[in-house]
Amino acid sequence: MSRYQFEQIDDLGQILFCDDPALRLDHAQTRHMPAALFEFRQALGVGYFGYIAPKGASPDEIPEEPQIEGAILFGMRRLPPEPSDLHWIPGWELHETPDEQPKLEQRFGYTYSRLELRTPDGEIYSRTWVPHDPEWEAAALRHGYVVCLCGVELGIRAPYAMTDAQHTPPMRYEAFRSGCAVGLTIGGLVAYVSHR
């Protein structure tokens, strides 16, 4: 992905399955369900080191994040500290569009997909680019919906001075759970629309 393309991305993103060790959402409802994660690049309390809670703040004192509060007004749900039940979010859609730069595929042998999470009125709430995964796409088409998670701390962004290889699934899981614990994660089941 070119530097220009990377700078045009709204948020950090990742696709995986709910039973991935970084999520552990493997309940009867979500068994091997495709999931799309949107970690806000610009948010309150987020800097180069990830999310930083105010010193000595209790969960009740964490500032509200406008992006999260706005999505809740459109029907999204805040996830509890231990998510066990995900709800259908009416009107929201996840659109997957192929990358429009075939030179990447010709030169490097891989393609990207643009994911757009859209509100019930059709506006883009969040957008990211992820490596295309045919297995993930097939599962999303088969189910007709995916688990979409949005927030400040989903475990996508590695801590400062840590490589992706050092950022293990258990560490990503702890980051995801801590985001849920302070109320900075929203999500649910969202209709999937493929443009491939």
C-alpha atoms as a PDB file:
ATOM      1  CA  MET A   1       0.000   0.000   0.000  1.00  0.00           C
ATOM      2  CA  SER A   2       1.432   3.366  -0.949  1.00  0.00           C
ATOM      3  CA  ARG A   3       2.099   6.079   1.633  1.00  0.00           C
ATOM      4  CA  TYR A   4      -0.538   8.277  -0.048  1.00  0.00           C
ATOM      5  CA  GLN A   5      -3.105   5.492   0.152  1.00  0.00           C
ATOM      6  CA  PHE A   6      -2.262   4.821   3.800  1.00  0.00           C
ATOM      7  CA  GLU A   7      -2.732   8.495   4.668  1.00  0.00           C
ATOM      8  CA  GLN A   8      -6.215   8.410   3.126  1.00  0.00           C
ATOM      9  CA  ILE A   9      -7.399   5.663   5.486  1.00  0.00           C
ATOM     10  CA  ASP A  10      -9.855   6.879   8.064  1.00  0.00           C
ATOM     11  CA  ASP A  11      -9.221   4.233  10.703  1.00  0.00           C
ATOM     12  CA  LEU A  12      -7.059   1.215  11.414  1.00  0.00           C
ATOM     13  CA  GLY A  13      -8.787  -1.972  10.356  1.00  0.00           C
ATOM     14  CA  GLN A  14      -8.592  -5.720  10.515  1.00  0.00           C
ATOM     15  CA  ILE A  15     -10.686  -8.666   9.400  1.00  0.00           C
ATOM     16  CA  LEU A  16     -10.701 -11.956  11.258  1.00  0.00           C
ATOM     17  CA  PHE A  17     -13.115 -14.500  12.669  1.00  0.00           C
ATOM     18  CA  CYS A  18     -14.869 -14.271  16.033  1.00  0.00           C
ATOM     19  CA  ASP A  19     -13.071 -17.363  17.330  1.00  0.00           C
ATOM     20  CA  ASP A  20      -9.668 -15.712  16.777  1.00  0.00           C
ATOM     21  CA  PRO A  21      -7.599 -15.693  20.022  1.00  0.00           C
ATOM     22  CA  ALA A  22      -7.521 -11.873  19.875  1.00  0.00           C
ATOM     23  CA  LEU A  23     -11.339 -11.692  20.225  1.00  0.00           C
ATOM     24  CA  ARG A  24     -12.594 -14.944  21.753  1.00  0.00           C
ATOM     25  CA  LEU A  25     -16.205 -14.228  20.763  1.00  0.00           C
ATOM     26  CA  ASP A  26     -16.762 -17.888  19.921  1.00  0.00           C
ATOM     27  CA  HIS A  27     -20.307 -18.346  21.181  1.00  0.00           C
ATOM     28  CA  ALA A  28     -23.046 -20.415  19.535  1.00  0.00           C
ATOM     29  CA  GLN A  29     -24.345 -17.220  17.895  1.00  0.00           C
ATOM     30  CA  THR A  30     -20.975 -16.229  16.409  1.00  0.00           C
ATOM     31  CA  ARG A  31     -19.177 -19.524  15.800  1.00  0.00           C
ATOM     32  CA  HIS A  32     -16.561 -18.832  13.097  1.00  0.00           C
ATOM     33  CA  MET A  33     -18.449 -15.663  12.143  1.00  0.00           C
ATOM     34  CA  PRO A  34     -16.487 -13.073  10.126  1.00  0.00           C
ATOM     35  CA  ALA A  35     -15.619  -9.920  12.057  1.00  0.00           C
ATOM     36  CA  ALA A  36     -14.457  -6.474  10.909  1.00  0.00           C
ATOM     37  CA  LEU A  37     -12.624  -4.221  13.358  1.00  0.00           C
ATOM     38  CA  PHE A  38     -12.397  -0.437  13.045  1.00  0.00           C
ATOM     39  CA  GLU A  39     -10.000   1.131  15.537  1.00  0.00           C
ATOM     40  CA  PHE A  40     -10.295   4.927  15.538  1.00  0.00           C
ATOM     41  CA  ARG A  41      -7.146   6.669  14.398  1.00  0.00           C
ATOM     42  CA  GLN A  42      -8.376  10.034  15.728  1.00  0.00           C
ATOM     43  CA  ALA A  43     -10.093   9.839  19.118  1.00  0.00           C
ATOM     44  CA  LEU A  44     -10.048  11.393  22.558  1.00  0.00           C
ATOM     45  CA  GLY A  45      -7.163  10.071  24.636  1.00  0.00           C
ATOM     46  CA  VAL A  46      -5.438   8.352  21.718  1.00  0.00           C
ATOM     47  CA  GLY A  47      -1.860   9.279  20.953  1.00  0.00           C
ATOM     48  CA  TYR A  48       1.241   7.580  19.623  1.00  0.00           C
ATOM     49  CA  PHE A  49       1.099   5.138  22.566  1.00  0.00           C
ATOM     50  CA  GLY A  50      -2.510   4.026  22.059  1.00  0.00           C
ATOM     51  CA  TYR A  51      -5.355   4.953  24.398  1.00  0.00           C
ATOM     52  CA  ILE A  52      -4.249   6.807  27.527  1.00  0.00           C
ATOM     53  CA  ALA A  53      -6.799   7.134  30.318  1.00  0.00           C
ATOM     54  CA  PRO A  54      -6.556  10.245  32.461  1.00  0.00           C
ATOM     55  CA  LYS A  55      -4.316   9.602  35.478  1.00  0.00           C
ATOM     56  CA  GLY A  56      -6.282   8.173  38.405  1.00  0.00           C
ATOM     57  CA  ALA A  57      -9.582   8.131  36.481  1.00  0.00           C
ATOM     58  CA  SER A  58     -12.201   5.546  37.330  1.00  0.00           C
ATOM     59  CA  PRO A  59     -14.300   3.995  34.524  1.00  0.00           C
ATOM     60  CA  ASP A  60     -17.077   6.472  35.411  1.00  0.00           C
ATOM     61  CA  GLU A  61     -14.711   9.383  34.749  1.00  0.00           C
ATOM     62  CA  ILE A  62     -13.508   8.317  31.302  1.00  0.00           C
ATOM     63  CA  PRO A  63     -14.490  11.074  28.853  1.00  0.00           C
ATOM     64  CA  GLU A  64     -17.139  10.322  26.292  1.00  0.00           C
ATOM     65  CA  GLU A  65     -15.859   9.682  22.783  1.00  0.00           C
ATOM     66  CA  PRO A  66     -17.991  11.650  20.259  1.00  0.00           C
ATOM     67  CA  GLN A  67     -17.639   9.014  17.509  1.00  0.00           C
ATOM     68  CA  ILE A  68     -18.992   6.322  19.822  1.00  0.00           C
ATOM     69  CA  GLU A  69     -21.804   8.449  21.234  1.00  0.00           C
ATOM     70  CA  GLY A  70     -22.843   9.462  17.688  1.00  0.00           C
ATOM     71  CA  ALA A  71     -23.006   5.834  16.544  1.00  0.00           C
ATOM     72  CA  ILE A  72     -25.130   4.911  19.571  1.00  0.00           C
ATOM     73  CA  LEU A  73     -27.637   7.571  18.497  1.00  0.00           C
ATOM     74  CA  PHE A  74     -27.882   5.679  15.169  1.00  0.00           C
ATOM     75  CA  GLY A  75     -28.573   2.338  16.881  1.00  0.00           C
ATOM     76  CA  MET A  76     -25.128   0.870  17.608  1.00  0.00           C
ATOM     77  CA  ARG A  77     -24.658  -0.720  21.017  1.00  0.00           C
ATOM     78  CA  ARG A  78     -21.917  -0.328  23.572  1.00  0.00           C
ATOM     79  CA  LEU A  79     -20.294  -3.689  24.333  1.00  0.00           C
ATOM     80  CA  PRO A  80     -20.171  -4.849  27.950  1.00  0.00           C
ATOM     81  CA  PRO A  81     -16.834  -5.903  29.544  1.00  0.00           C
ATOM     82  CA  GLU A  82     -17.553  -9.569  28.734  1.00  0.00           C
ATOM     83  CA  PRO A  83     -19.549  -9.576  25.468  1.00  0.00           C
ATOM     84  CA  SER A  84     -21.588 -12.749  25.209  1.00  0.00           C
ATOM     85  CA  ASP A  85     -24.558 -11.624  23.146  1.00  0.00           C
ATOM     86  CA  LEU A  86     -24.271  -9.502  20.017  1.00  0.00           C
ATOM     87  CA  HIS A  87     -27.357  -7.781  18.668  1.00  0.00           C
ATOM     88  CA  TRP A  88     -28.504  -7.117  15.128  1.00  0.00           C
ATOM     89  CA  ILE A  89     -27.944  -3.427  14.305  1.00  0.00           C
ATOM     90  CA  PRO A  90     -30.746  -2.485  11.887  1.00  0.00           C
ATOM     91  CA  GLY A  91     -29.925  -0.202   8.980  1.00  0.00           C
ATOM     92  CA  TRP A  92     -26.113  -0.379   9.316  1.00  0.00           C
ATOM     93  CA  GLU A  93     -24.186  -1.960   6.419  1.00  0.00           C
ATOM     94  CA  LEU A  94     -20.606  -3.049   5.797  1.00  0.00           C
ATOM     95  CA  HIS A  95     -19.590  -2.553   2.160  1.00  0.00           C
ATOM     96  CA  GLU A  96     -16.551  -4.343   0.729  1.00  0.00           C
ATOM     97  CA  THR A  97     -15.107  -2.862  -2.460  1.00  0.00           C
ATOM     98  CA  PRO A  98     -12.057  -4.156  -4.362  1.00  0.00           C
ATOM     99  CA  ASP A  99      -8.868  -2.132  -4.353  1.00  0.00           C
ATOM    100  CA  GLU A 100      -8.633   0.085  -7.404  1.00  0.00           C
ATOM    101  CA  GLN A 101      -4.854  -0.296  -7.849  1.00  0.00           C
ATOM    102  CA  PRO A 102      -4.196  -3.474  -9.868  1.00  0.00           C
ATOM    103  CA  LYS A 103      -0.460  -2.671  -9.953  1.00  0.00           C
ATOM    104  CA  LEU A 104      -0.236  -3.867  -6.334  1.00  0.00           C
ATOM    105  CA  GLU A 105      -1.592  -7.270  -7.301  1.00  0.00           C
ATOM    106  CA  GLN A 106       0.641  -7.512 -10.374  1.00  0.00           C
ATOM    107  CA  ARG A 107       3.764  -6.443  -8.504  1.00  0.00           C
ATOM    108  CA  PHE A 108       3.316  -8.012  -5.069  1.00  0.00           C
ATOM    109  CA  GLY A 109       0.730 -10.744  -5.686  1.00  0.00           C
ATOM    110  CA  TYR A 110      -1.906  -9.510  -3.217  1.00  0.00           C
ATOM    111  CA  THR A 111      -4.961  -7.301  -3.237  1.00  0.00           C
ATOM    112  CA  TYR A 112      -6.681  -5.066  -0.737  1.00  0.00           C
ATOM    113  CA  SER A 113     -10.327  -4.414  -0.041  1.00  0.00           C
ATOM    114  CA  ARG A 114     -11.844  -1.156   1.070  1.00  0.00           C
ATOM    115  CA  LEU A 115     -14.302  -1.647   3.930  1.00  0.00           C
ATOM    116  CA  GLU A 116     -16.879   1.043   4.581  1.00  0.00           C
ATOM    117  CA  LEU A 117     -19.140   0.886   7.603  1.00  0.00           C
ATOM    118  CA  ARG A 118     -22.252   2.905   6.745  1.00  0.00           C
ATOM    119  CA  THR A 119     -24.925   4.369   9.003  1.00  0.00           C
ATOM    120  CA  PRO A 120     -28.661   3.793   8.372  1.00  0.00           C
ATOM    121  CA  ASP A 121     -28.806   7.019   6.336  1.00  0.00           C
ATOM    122  CA  GLY A 122     -26.036   5.737   4.010  1.00  0.00           C
ATOM    123  CA  GLU A 123     -23.222   7.954   5.298  1.00  0.00           C
ATOM    124  CA  ILE A 124     -19.736   6.465   5.804  1.00  0.00           C
ATOM    125  CA  TYR A 125     -19.105   6.099   9.530  1.00  0.00           C
ATOM    126  CA  SER A 126     -15.680   4.478   9.222  1.00  0.00           C
ATOM    127  CA  ARG A 127     -13.463   3.313   6.375  1.00  0.00           C
ATOM    128  CA  THR A 128     -10.306   1.234   6.192  1.00  0.00           C
ATOM    129  CA  TRP A 129      -8.265  -0.932   3.842  1.00  0.00           C
ATOM    130  CA  VAL A 130      -7.482  -4.574   4.634  1.00  0.00           C
ATOM    131  CA  PRO A 131      -5.798  -7.420   2.723  1.00  0.00           C
ATOM    132  CA  HIS A 132      -8.486  -9.280   0.779  1.00  0.00           C
ATOM    133  CA  ASP A 133      -9.315 -12.691   2.266  1.00  0.00           C
ATOM    134  CA  PRO A 134     -11.480 -14.961   0.048  1.00  0.00           C
ATOM    135  CA  GLU A 135     -12.382 -17.219   3.017  1.00  0.00           C
ATOM    136  CA  TRP A 136     -13.584 -14.232   5.047  1.00  0.00           C
ATOM    137  CA  GLU A 137     -15.561 -12.883   2.074  1.00  0.00           C
ATOM    138  CA  ALA A 138     -17.183 -16.291   1.429  1.00  0.00           C
ATOM    139  CA  ALA A 139     -18.262 -16.539   5.081  1.00  0.00           C
ATOM    140  CA  ALA A 140     -19.666 -12.989   4.996  1.00  0.00           C
ATOM    141  CA  LEU A 141     -21.635 -13.776   1.825  1.00  0.00           C
ATOM    142  CA  ARG A 142     -22.909 -17.057   3.297  1.00  0.00           C
ATOM    143  CA  HIS A 143     -24.134 -15.420   6.531  1.00  0.00           C
ATOM    144  CA  GLY A 144     -25.253 -12.142   4.952  1.00  0.00           C
ATOM    145  CA  TYR A 145     -23.838 -10.175   7.876  1.00  0.00           C
ATOM    146  CA  VAL A 146     -20.642  -9.743   9.877  1.00  0.00           C
ATOM    147  CA  VAL A 147     -19.717  -8.777  13.416  1.00  0.00           C
ATOM    148  CA  CYS A 148     -18.550  -5.150  13.269  1.00  0.00           C
ATOM    149  CA  LEU A 149     -16.600  -3.739  16.195  1.00  0.00           C
ATOM    150  CA  CYS A 150     -15.574  -0.093  16.476  1.00  0.00           C
ATOM    151  CA  GLY A 151     -13.656   1.633  19.190  1.00  0.00           C
ATOM    152  CA  VAL A 152     -10.642   3.304  20.606  1.00  0.00           C
ATOM    153  CA  GLU A 153      -8.823   0.147  21.731  1.00  0.00           C
ATOM    154  CA  LEU A 154      -9.445  -3.067  19.794  1.00  0.00           C
ATOM    155  CA  GLY A 155      -5.940  -4.513  19.865  1.00  0.00           C
ATOM    156  CA  ILE A 156      -5.034  -3.554  16.291  1.00  0.00           C
ATOM    157  CA  ARG A 157      -2.509  -0.871  17.216  1.00  0.00           C
ATOM    158  CA  ALA A 158       0.620  -2.366  18.797  1.00  0.00           C
ATOM    159  CA  PRO A 159       2.044  -0.559  21.842  1.00  0.00           C
ATOM    160  CA  TYR A 160       4.849   1.904  21.201  1.00  0.00           C
ATOM    161  CA  ALA A 161       8.174   0.357  20.064  1.00  0.00           C
ATOM    162  CA  MET A 162       6.617  -3.113  19.662  1.00  0.00           C
ATOM    163  CA  THR A 163       6.572  -4.958  16.341  1.00  0.00           C
ATOM    164  CA  ASP A 164       3.493  -6.764  15.049  1.00  0.00           C
ATOM    165  CA  ALA A 165       5.236 -10.082  15.752  1.00  0.00           C
ATOM    166  CA  GLN A 166       5.732  -9.079  19.403  1.00  0.00           C
ATOM    167  CA  HIS A 167       2.093  -7.972  19.697  1.00  0.00           C
ATOM    168  CA  THR A 168       0.653 -11.404  20.519  1.00  0.00           C
ATOM    169  CA  PRO A 169      -3.020 -12.498  20.336  1.00  0.00           C
ATOM    170  CA  PRO A 170      -3.295 -12.569  24.180  1.00  0.00           C
ATOM    171  CA  MET A 171      -2.057  -8.949  24.268  1.00  0.00           C
ATOM    172  CA  ARG A 172      -4.537  -7.966  21.563  1.00  0.00           C
ATOM    173  CA  TYR A 173      -7.307  -9.718  23.510  1.00  0.00           C
ATOM    174  CA  GLU A 174      -6.446  -7.774  26.690  1.00  0.00           C
ATOM    175  CA  ALA A 175      -6.554  -4.486  24.745  1.00  0.00           C
ATOM    176  CA  PHE A 176      -9.959  -5.413  23.278  1.00  0.00           C
ATOM    177  CA  ARG A 177     -11.329  -6.321  26.723  1.00  0.00           C
ATOM    178  CA  SER A 178      -9.963  -3.146  28.329  1.00  0.00           C
ATOM    179  CA  GLY A 179     -11.701  -1.051  25.645  1.00  0.00           C
ATOM    180  CA  CYS A 180     -14.976  -2.825  26.444  1.00  0.00           C
ATOM    181  CA  ALA A 181     -14.449  -2.370  30.192  1.00  0.00           C
ATOM    182  CA  VAL A 182     -14.220   1.429  29.921  1.00  0.00           C
ATOM    183  CA  GLY A 183     -17.133   1.685  27.489  1.00  0.00           C
ATOM    184  CA  LEU A 184     -15.078   2.631  24.432  1.00  0.00           C
ATOM    185  CA  THR A 185     -16.180  -0.243  22.168  1.00  0.00           C
ATOM    186  CA  ILE A 186     -19.396  -0.550  20.181  1.00  0.00           C
ATOM    187  CA  GLY A 187     -20.621  -3.156  17.762  1.00  0.00           C
ATOM    188  CA  GLY A 188     -23.024  -5.832  16.696  1.00  0.00           C
ATOM    189  CA  LEU A 189     -24.246  -7.796  13.689  1.00  0.00           C
ATOM    190  CA  VAL A 190     -24.247  -5.666  10.532  1.00  0.00           C
ATOM    191  CA  ALA A 191     -25.531  -6.486   7.018  1.00  0.00           C
ATOM    192  CA  TYR A 192     -22.728  -7.299   4.544  1.00  0.00           C
ATOM    193  CA  VAL A 193     -22.757  -5.875   1.002  1.00  0.00           C
ATOM    194  CA  SER A 194     -20.138  -7.051  -1.493  1.00  0.00           C
ATOM    195  CA  HIS A 195     -19.126  -4.966  -4.534  1.00  0.00           C
ATOM    196  CA  ARG A 196     -16.520  -7.495  -5.749  1.00  0.00           C
END
